[in-house]
Amino acid sequence: MTLRVLDPRQSAEGEALRLAPALSSLEGAVVGMIDNAKIGTERLFDFIEEILRKEYKVREFIRRRKPDATRPVPPEMLAEMSGADAVLSSTGD
C-alpha cells in the first residue's frame, strides 16, 4: 500500500504558493469574512467584527455565507473578496 501526502501549499501546476505580505495595521482596512454556513459561524463573526472595529479600527467588512459547509467557496464570492485587505474563513462548530 502506498501513502500519498499532498502539500496544500502547492498550486495545481506544482508551484509553491506564496503568502500575501502581512498588513502593517488593520486600521482603516476592509476585512472579508466567509461564513461556512454552520450554526455557530455567524455569532463567532459578530464577536470578531466587534473586536476588530473597536480595538483595531477596521473600517469595513464584506461578509458572505457559503451555500453550505460541504462545498468550496463559489468563484463569484471569492471575486467579491478581492476588494478586501484581509479575509477570514471559519468553521462555526
N, C-alpha and C. Protein backbone atom coordinates (compact mmCIF):
# COMPACT_ATOMS: atom_id res chain seq x y z
N MET A 1 0.84 -1.18 0.00
CA MET A 1 0.00 0.00 0.00
C MET A 1 0.89 1.24 0.00
N THR A 2 0.55 2.21 -0.82
CA THR A 2 1.31 3.46 -0.92
C THR A 2 0.54 4.58 -0.25
N LEU A 3 1.24 5.37 0.52
CA LEU A 3 0.65 6.53 1.17
C LEU A 3 1.09 7.76 0.40
N ARG A 4 0.13 8.53 -0.08
CA ARG A 4 0.43 9.74 -0.85
C ARG A 4 0.09 10.96 0.01
N VAL A 5 1.05 11.82 0.22
CA VAL A 5 0.86 13.03 1.02
C VAL A 5 0.80 14.23 0.08
N LEU A 6 -0.27 15.02 0.20
CA LEU A 6 -0.44 16.20 -0.64
C LEU A 6 -0.02 17.44 0.13
N ASP A 7 0.65 18.34 -0.55
CA ASP A 7 1.10 19.60 0.06
C ASP A 7 0.10 20.70 -0.30
N PRO A 8 -0.68 21.20 0.67
CA PRO A 8 -1.70 22.21 0.37
C PRO A 8 -1.12 23.56 -0.05
N ARG A 9 0.20 23.72 0.10
CA ARG A 9 0.83 24.99 -0.28
C ARG A 9 1.17 25.05 -1.76
N GLN A 10 0.86 24.01 -2.51
CA GLN A 10 1.23 23.99 -3.92
C GLN A 10 0.00 24.16 -4.80
N SER A 11 0.19 24.87 -5.90
CA SER A 11 -0.87 25.07 -6.87
C SER A 11 -1.03 23.81 -7.71
N ALA A 12 -2.02 23.80 -8.58
CA ALA A 12 -2.25 22.65 -9.45
C ALA A 12 -1.06 22.42 -10.38
N GLU A 13 -0.30 23.47 -10.67
CA GLU A 13 0.87 23.36 -11.53
C GLU A 13 2.10 22.87 -10.78
N GLY A 14 1.98 22.66 -9.47
CA GLY A 14 3.08 22.15 -8.67
C GLY A 14 3.98 23.22 -8.09
N GLU A 15 3.65 24.48 -8.31
CA GLU A 15 4.46 25.57 -7.75
C GLU A 15 3.98 25.91 -6.35
N ALA A 16 4.90 26.20 -5.47
CA ALA A 16 4.54 26.59 -4.11
C ALA A 16 3.84 27.95 -4.13
N LEU A 17 2.76 28.03 -3.39
CA LEU A 17 2.04 29.30 -3.28
C LEU A 17 2.73 30.18 -2.24
N ARG A 18 2.71 31.47 -2.47
CA ARG A 18 3.31 32.40 -1.52
C ARG A 18 2.21 33.10 -0.73
N LEU A 19 2.46 33.31 0.53
CA LEU A 19 1.52 34.06 1.36
C LEU A 19 1.60 35.53 1.02
N ALA A 20 0.47 36.21 1.14
CA ALA A 20 0.47 37.66 0.95
C ALA A 20 1.26 38.29 2.09
N PRO A 21 1.88 39.44 1.84
CA PRO A 21 2.61 40.10 2.92
C PRO A 21 1.66 40.51 4.05
N ALA A 22 2.15 40.49 5.26
CA ALA A 22 1.35 40.87 6.42
C ALA A 22 0.99 42.35 6.35
N LEU A 23 -0.20 42.68 6.80
CA LEU A 23 -0.61 44.08 6.87
C LEU A 23 0.13 44.75 8.03
N SER A 24 0.52 45.98 7.82
CA SER A 24 1.20 46.69 8.91
C SER A 24 0.21 47.10 9.99
N SER A 25 -1.06 47.24 9.63
CA SER A 25 -2.10 47.64 10.58
C SER A 25 -3.46 47.27 9.99
N LEU A 26 -4.43 47.08 10.86
CA LEU A 26 -5.81 46.85 10.40
C LEU A 26 -6.61 48.15 10.39
N GLU A 27 -6.03 49.22 10.90
CA GLU A 27 -6.73 50.49 10.95
C GLU A 27 -7.10 50.95 9.54
N GLY A 28 -8.40 51.18 9.32
CA GLY A 28 -8.88 51.61 8.02
C GLY A 28 -9.02 50.50 6.99
N ALA A 29 -8.76 49.28 7.38
CA ALA A 29 -8.78 48.15 6.45
C ALA A 29 -10.20 47.66 6.18
N VAL A 30 -10.31 46.92 5.07
CA VAL A 30 -11.54 46.20 4.72
C VAL A 30 -11.24 44.72 4.96
N VAL A 31 -12.09 44.08 5.76
CA VAL A 31 -11.89 42.67 6.10
C VAL A 31 -13.05 41.85 5.54
N GLY A 32 -12.72 40.82 4.77
CA GLY A 32 -13.72 39.90 4.26
C GLY A 32 -13.90 38.76 5.23
N MET A 33 -15.15 38.28 5.35
CA MET A 33 -15.44 37.16 6.24
C MET A 33 -16.30 36.15 5.47
N ILE A 34 -15.79 34.94 5.33
CA ILE A 34 -16.53 33.88 4.64
C ILE A 34 -17.08 32.92 5.67
N ASP A 35 -18.39 32.92 5.79
CA ASP A 35 -19.11 32.07 6.73
C ASP A 35 -19.34 30.71 6.06
N ASN A 36 -18.97 29.63 6.74
CA ASN A 36 -19.09 28.30 6.14
C ASN A 36 -20.48 27.70 6.26
N ALA A 37 -21.44 28.44 6.76
CA ALA A 37 -22.85 28.05 6.86
C ALA A 37 -23.14 27.08 8.01
N LYS A 38 -22.21 26.93 8.93
CA LYS A 38 -22.51 26.11 10.11
C LYS A 38 -23.15 27.01 11.17
N ILE A 39 -23.81 26.38 12.11
CA ILE A 39 -24.69 27.09 13.03
C ILE A 39 -24.01 28.18 13.87
N GLY A 40 -22.76 28.02 14.27
CA GLY A 40 -22.13 29.00 15.15
C GLY A 40 -21.29 30.06 14.46
N THR A 41 -21.12 29.98 13.15
CA THR A 41 -20.19 30.88 12.48
C THR A 41 -20.65 32.33 12.51
N GLU A 42 -21.92 32.59 12.26
CA GLU A 42 -22.40 33.97 12.24
C GLU A 42 -22.16 34.65 13.59
N ARG A 43 -22.46 33.95 14.66
CA ARG A 43 -22.26 34.51 16.01
C ARG A 43 -20.77 34.76 16.28
N LEU A 44 -19.92 33.81 15.87
CA LEU A 44 -18.48 33.98 16.03
C LEU A 44 -18.00 35.20 15.27
N PHE A 45 -18.44 35.36 14.02
CA PHE A 45 -18.03 36.50 13.22
C PHE A 45 -18.57 37.82 13.78
N ASP A 46 -19.77 37.82 14.36
CA ASP A 46 -20.29 39.03 15.01
C ASP A 46 -19.33 39.47 16.11
N PHE A 47 -18.88 38.52 16.90
CA PHE A 47 -17.96 38.79 18.00
C PHE A 47 -16.62 39.30 17.48
N ILE A 48 -16.07 38.63 16.47
CA ILE A 48 -14.79 39.06 15.90
C ILE A 48 -14.92 40.44 15.27
N GLU A 49 -16.01 40.69 14.57
CA GLU A 49 -16.21 42.01 13.95
C GLU A 49 -16.24 43.11 15.00
N GLU A 50 -16.93 42.88 16.09
CA GLU A 50 -16.99 43.87 17.17
C GLU A 50 -15.59 44.20 17.69
N ILE A 51 -14.79 43.18 17.92
CA ILE A 51 -13.42 43.39 18.41
C ILE A 51 -12.59 44.15 17.39
N LEU A 52 -12.66 43.73 16.13
CA LEU A 52 -11.85 44.37 15.09
C LEU A 52 -12.24 45.83 14.87
N ARG A 53 -13.53 46.13 14.99
CA ARG A 53 -13.97 47.54 14.85
C ARG A 53 -13.47 48.39 16.02
N LYS A 54 -13.69 47.91 17.25
CA LYS A 54 -13.37 48.69 18.44
C LYS A 54 -11.87 48.80 18.69
N GLU A 55 -11.18 47.66 18.67
CA GLU A 55 -9.79 47.64 19.09
C GLU A 55 -8.79 47.87 17.96
N TYR A 56 -9.19 47.53 16.73
CA TYR A 56 -8.24 47.63 15.61
C TYR A 56 -8.68 48.61 14.54
N LYS A 57 -9.86 49.24 14.74
CA LYS A 57 -10.37 50.30 13.86
C LYS A 57 -10.50 49.87 12.39
N VAL A 58 -10.97 48.63 12.20
CA VAL A 58 -11.27 48.17 10.85
C VAL A 58 -12.43 49.01 10.33
N ARG A 59 -12.30 49.48 9.10
CA ARG A 59 -13.28 50.39 8.50
C ARG A 59 -14.53 49.69 7.99
N GLU A 60 -14.36 48.55 7.34
CA GLU A 60 -15.48 47.93 6.65
C GLU A 60 -15.33 46.41 6.63
N PHE A 61 -16.47 45.72 6.57
CA PHE A 61 -16.48 44.26 6.48
C PHE A 61 -17.29 43.83 5.27
N ILE A 62 -16.80 42.83 4.58
CA ILE A 62 -17.53 42.18 3.50
C ILE A 62 -17.84 40.78 4.02
N ARG A 63 -19.10 40.54 4.35
CA ARG A 63 -19.48 39.24 4.92
C ARG A 63 -20.35 38.48 3.93
N ARG A 64 -19.96 37.24 3.67
CA ARG A 64 -20.71 36.37 2.77
C ARG A 64 -20.84 35.00 3.41
N ARG A 65 -21.93 34.32 3.09
CA ARG A 65 -22.20 32.99 3.64
C ARG A 65 -22.24 31.98 2.50
N LYS A 66 -21.44 30.92 2.63
CA LYS A 66 -21.43 29.86 1.62
C LYS A 66 -22.81 29.19 1.58
N PRO A 67 -23.17 28.61 0.42
CA PRO A 67 -24.46 27.89 0.34
C PRO A 67 -24.56 26.76 1.36
N ASP A 68 -23.47 26.05 1.58
CA ASP A 68 -23.42 25.04 2.64
C ASP A 68 -21.96 24.69 2.92
N ALA A 69 -21.74 24.03 4.05
CA ALA A 69 -20.37 23.78 4.52
C ALA A 69 -19.62 22.73 3.71
N THR A 70 -20.32 21.95 2.92
CA THR A 70 -19.65 20.85 2.22
C THR A 70 -19.05 21.25 0.88
N ARG A 71 -19.34 22.44 0.41
CA ARG A 71 -18.85 22.86 -0.90
C ARG A 71 -17.80 23.96 -0.77
N PRO A 72 -16.94 24.08 -1.80
CA PRO A 72 -15.97 25.17 -1.77
C PRO A 72 -16.66 26.52 -1.95
N VAL A 73 -15.93 27.57 -1.68
CA VAL A 73 -16.46 28.92 -1.86
C VAL A 73 -16.72 29.14 -3.35
N PRO A 74 -17.93 29.59 -3.72
CA PRO A 74 -18.21 29.84 -5.13
C PRO A 74 -17.30 30.93 -5.70
N PRO A 75 -16.90 30.80 -6.97
CA PRO A 75 -15.99 31.77 -7.59
C PRO A 75 -16.46 33.22 -7.49
N GLU A 76 -17.77 33.45 -7.63
CA GLU A 76 -18.27 34.83 -7.55
C GLU A 76 -18.11 35.40 -6.14
N MET A 77 -18.20 34.56 -5.13
CA MET A 77 -17.99 35.00 -3.75
C MET A 77 -16.52 35.33 -3.53
N LEU A 78 -15.63 34.51 -4.07
CA LEU A 78 -14.20 34.81 -3.98
C LEU A 78 -13.88 36.12 -4.68
N ALA A 79 -14.52 36.37 -5.81
CA ALA A 79 -14.30 37.62 -6.54
C ALA A 79 -14.70 38.82 -5.69
N GLU A 80 -15.79 38.69 -4.94
CA GLU A 80 -16.22 39.79 -4.05
C GLU A 80 -15.18 40.05 -2.97
N MET A 81 -14.49 39.02 -2.54
CA MET A 81 -13.48 39.16 -1.50
C MET A 81 -12.20 39.83 -2.01
N SER A 82 -12.06 39.97 -3.30
CA SER A 82 -10.84 40.57 -3.85
C SER A 82 -10.69 42.04 -3.44
N GLY A 83 -11.78 42.67 -3.01
CA GLY A 83 -11.71 44.04 -2.54
C GLY A 83 -11.29 44.18 -1.08
N ALA A 84 -11.06 43.06 -0.42
CA ALA A 84 -10.69 43.10 0.99
C ALA A 84 -9.17 43.12 1.16
N ASP A 85 -8.73 43.75 2.24
CA ASP A 85 -7.30 43.76 2.59
C ASP A 85 -6.90 42.47 3.29
N ALA A 86 -7.86 41.83 3.96
CA ALA A 86 -7.63 40.57 4.66
C ALA A 86 -8.94 39.78 4.62
N VAL A 87 -8.84 38.46 4.66
CA VAL A 87 -10.03 37.61 4.61
C VAL A 87 -9.95 36.56 5.72
N LEU A 88 -11.06 36.39 6.43
CA LEU A 88 -11.19 35.35 7.45
C LEU A 88 -12.18 34.31 6.95
N SER A 89 -11.85 33.07 7.17
CA SER A 89 -12.76 31.97 6.87
C SER A 89 -12.80 31.09 8.10
N SER A 90 -14.00 30.65 8.49
CA SER A 90 -14.07 29.94 9.76
C SER A 90 -15.11 28.85 9.75
N THR A 91 -14.94 27.93 10.68
CA THR A 91 -15.91 26.89 10.98
C THR A 91 -16.62 27.26 12.26
N GLY A 92 -17.91 27.16 12.26
CA GLY A 92 -18.68 27.56 13.44
C GLY A 92 -19.20 26.43 14.29
N ASP A 93 -18.50 25.32 14.34
CA ASP A 93 -18.97 24.18 15.14
C ASP A 93 -18.63 24.37 16.61
